[in-house]
Each structure stands twice: as C-alpha cells, then as structure tokens.
Amino acid sequence: MADQLANLLNLILPDEKILSDLWETVDDGNNKVELNDTWIEIPNKTQIDIVTKAYFLESFPNIGFGVYKVLLALGGFNQGLHGFHSAGICFSTMIYDRKSDLITLDFHKDFR
C-alpha cells in the first residue's frame, strides 16, 4: 500500500515539476534568495536533493494551508548522526495546493 501511495504522490508532484517550480522562483537574474534576513546565492548547477514529499489529509475543511509539502536540500543533503541533518547551502520548504500549484516557498537553514 505504501508503494502505491508513493507512486501516486510522484505522479501528482513529479520531481521535474518541483525542481522547475524552485528554479522559476530562484532564477530572477541573480539567483539570490532571502535566508534569515540575508541574501544568499544559489549557483545554477547546485545539487538539489528532494528530501521529503508529503500529503496532508485534513480532518476538517479549511484548517490547513495547502495539502502537499516538499522539503529540498539545496547544495545536497548531509545525513547526520542522531537526526542532525544539514544541507550544503540551505533547505527549502514548498507548499502546494490540491491542484499541485505552488502556494509558498520558504528558505531556512535548519532541517524541519
């Protein structure tokens, strides 16, 4: 059953779409994003690892903000001991609506 759900999630939010949505946001001419009130550069050929894709089933209408969440590691994912994971540059959390349209994108240093 889990494999079927994973396959369905990958059909709804293919990796190519996620990466395209990310670069559409980042590629504004200077490849800079805001991270904790500081602007950092994301080089064009940066390794980007998709760490997590998730679907949230809300029990009540209109209580959630989006139904899909994707966690990316820009600069590659470094799996640390005891859950202390890091990204080469930073992490990005992307939230999608029911139609798989990107709602919001956040850049952050910590794994969350």
Protein backbone atom coordinates (compact mmCIF):
# COMPACT_ATOMS: atom_id res chain seq x y z
CA MET A 1 0.00 0.00 0.00
CA ALA A 2 2.79 2.47 0.87
CA ASP A 3 4.40 1.89 -2.54
CA GLN A 4 1.12 2.68 -4.26
CA LEU A 5 0.74 5.89 -2.28
CA ALA A 6 4.33 6.89 -3.08
CA ASN A 7 3.76 6.22 -6.79
CA LEU A 8 0.58 8.31 -6.74
CA LEU A 9 2.34 11.15 -4.94
CA ASN A 10 5.12 11.05 -7.54
CA LEU A 11 2.51 11.24 -10.33
CA ILE A 12 0.82 14.24 -8.70
CA LEU A 13 4.09 16.04 -7.85
CA PRO A 14 6.84 14.76 -10.14
CA ASP A 15 10.41 15.71 -9.25
CA GLU A 16 10.74 17.64 -12.51
CA LYS A 17 7.82 19.91 -11.59
CA ILE A 18 9.18 20.57 -8.12
CA LEU A 19 12.63 21.48 -9.45
CA SER A 20 11.10 23.63 -12.17
CA ASP A 21 8.98 25.50 -9.61
CA LEU A 22 12.04 26.05 -7.44
CA TRP A 23 14.20 27.41 -10.27
CA GLU A 24 11.36 29.58 -11.54
CA THR A 25 11.37 31.27 -8.15
CA VAL A 26 15.15 31.37 -7.68
CA ASP A 27 16.13 32.38 -11.22
CA ASP A 28 15.33 36.06 -11.09
CA GLY A 29 18.51 37.12 -12.84
CA ASN A 30 20.88 36.86 -9.89
CA ASN A 31 19.92 33.51 -8.29
CA LYS A 32 19.66 35.03 -4.83
CA VAL A 33 17.17 34.07 -2.14
CA GLU A 34 16.46 35.50 1.28
CA LEU A 35 17.60 33.34 4.16
CA ASN A 36 17.12 34.73 7.68
CA ASP A 37 17.18 38.38 6.51
CA THR A 38 20.32 37.78 4.42
CA TRP A 39 20.55 37.30 0.67
CA ILE A 40 22.48 34.19 -0.44
CA GLU A 41 23.32 32.96 -3.93
CA ILE A 42 22.18 29.60 -5.28
CA PRO A 43 24.59 28.69 -8.12
CA ASN A 44 22.99 27.38 -11.33
CA LYS A 45 24.31 23.82 -11.16
CA THR A 46 23.72 23.37 -7.44
CA GLN A 47 22.87 19.83 -6.35
CA ILE A 48 19.30 19.74 -5.11
CA ASP A 49 18.02 16.72 -3.21
CA ILE A 50 14.33 16.14 -2.64
CA VAL A 51 14.29 15.00 0.97
CA THR A 52 10.56 14.64 1.62
CA LYS A 53 7.25 14.75 -0.23
CA ALA A 54 4.15 14.59 1.91
CA TYR A 55 0.38 14.74 1.55
CA PHE A 56 -1.65 16.06 4.48
CA LEU A 57 -5.18 14.79 4.91
CA GLU A 58 -7.04 17.37 6.98
CA SER A 59 -9.96 16.08 9.06
CA PHE A 60 -11.84 19.38 8.93
CA PRO A 61 -12.34 21.75 5.98
CA ASN A 62 -10.26 24.93 5.76
CA ILE A 63 -7.96 24.24 8.71
CA GLY A 64 -4.79 23.63 6.75
CA PHE A 65 -2.57 25.66 4.50
CA GLY A 66 -2.01 23.53 1.43
CA VAL A 67 -2.11 19.78 1.17
CA TYR A 68 1.33 18.86 -0.15
CA LYS A 69 4.68 19.69 1.42
CA VAL A 70 8.10 19.19 -0.15
CA LEU A 71 11.43 19.56 1.64
CA LEU A 72 14.51 20.19 -0.51
CA ALA A 73 18.19 20.32 0.38
CA LEU A 74 20.00 22.90 -1.78
CA GLY A 75 23.66 22.06 -2.06
CA GLY A 76 22.97 18.41 -1.25
CA PHE A 77 21.61 16.58 1.78
CA ASN A 78 24.02 15.66 4.55
CA GLN A 79 22.57 12.95 6.77
CA GLY A 80 23.98 13.45 10.24
CA LEU A 81 24.06 11.17 13.22
CA HIS A 82 21.03 11.15 15.51
CA GLY A 83 18.85 13.24 13.17
CA PHE A 84 21.13 16.28 12.94
CA HIS A 85 20.79 16.65 9.18
CA SER A 86 22.07 19.60 7.18
CA ALA A 87 22.07 20.99 3.65
CA GLY A 88 25.13 22.17 1.74
CA ILE A 89 23.58 25.64 1.32
CA CYS A 90 20.11 25.64 2.89
CA PHE A 91 16.77 23.85 2.96
CA SER A 92 13.63 24.90 1.15
CA THR A 93 10.06 24.01 2.09
CA MET A 94 7.50 24.20 -0.69
CA ILE A 95 3.75 24.07 -0.05
CA TYR A 96 1.31 23.07 -2.81
CA ASP A 97 -2.48 23.26 -3.05
CA ARG A 98 -4.89 20.50 -4.10
CA LYS A 99 -4.27 21.26 -7.79
CA SER A 100 -0.49 20.87 -7.33
CA ASP A 101 0.06 24.61 -7.74
CA LEU A 102 2.82 26.10 -5.64
CA ILE A 103 1.42 28.29 -2.84
CA THR A 104 4.56 29.31 -1.00
CA LEU A 105 8.28 28.67 -0.78
CA ASP A 106 10.47 29.19 2.27
CA PHE A 107 14.24 29.00 2.65
CA HIS A 108 15.73 28.02 6.00
CA LYS A 109 19.00 26.78 7.46
CA ASP A 110 17.61 24.14 9.84
CA PHE A 111 16.20 20.73 8.98
CA ARG A 112 12.46 20.90 9.71
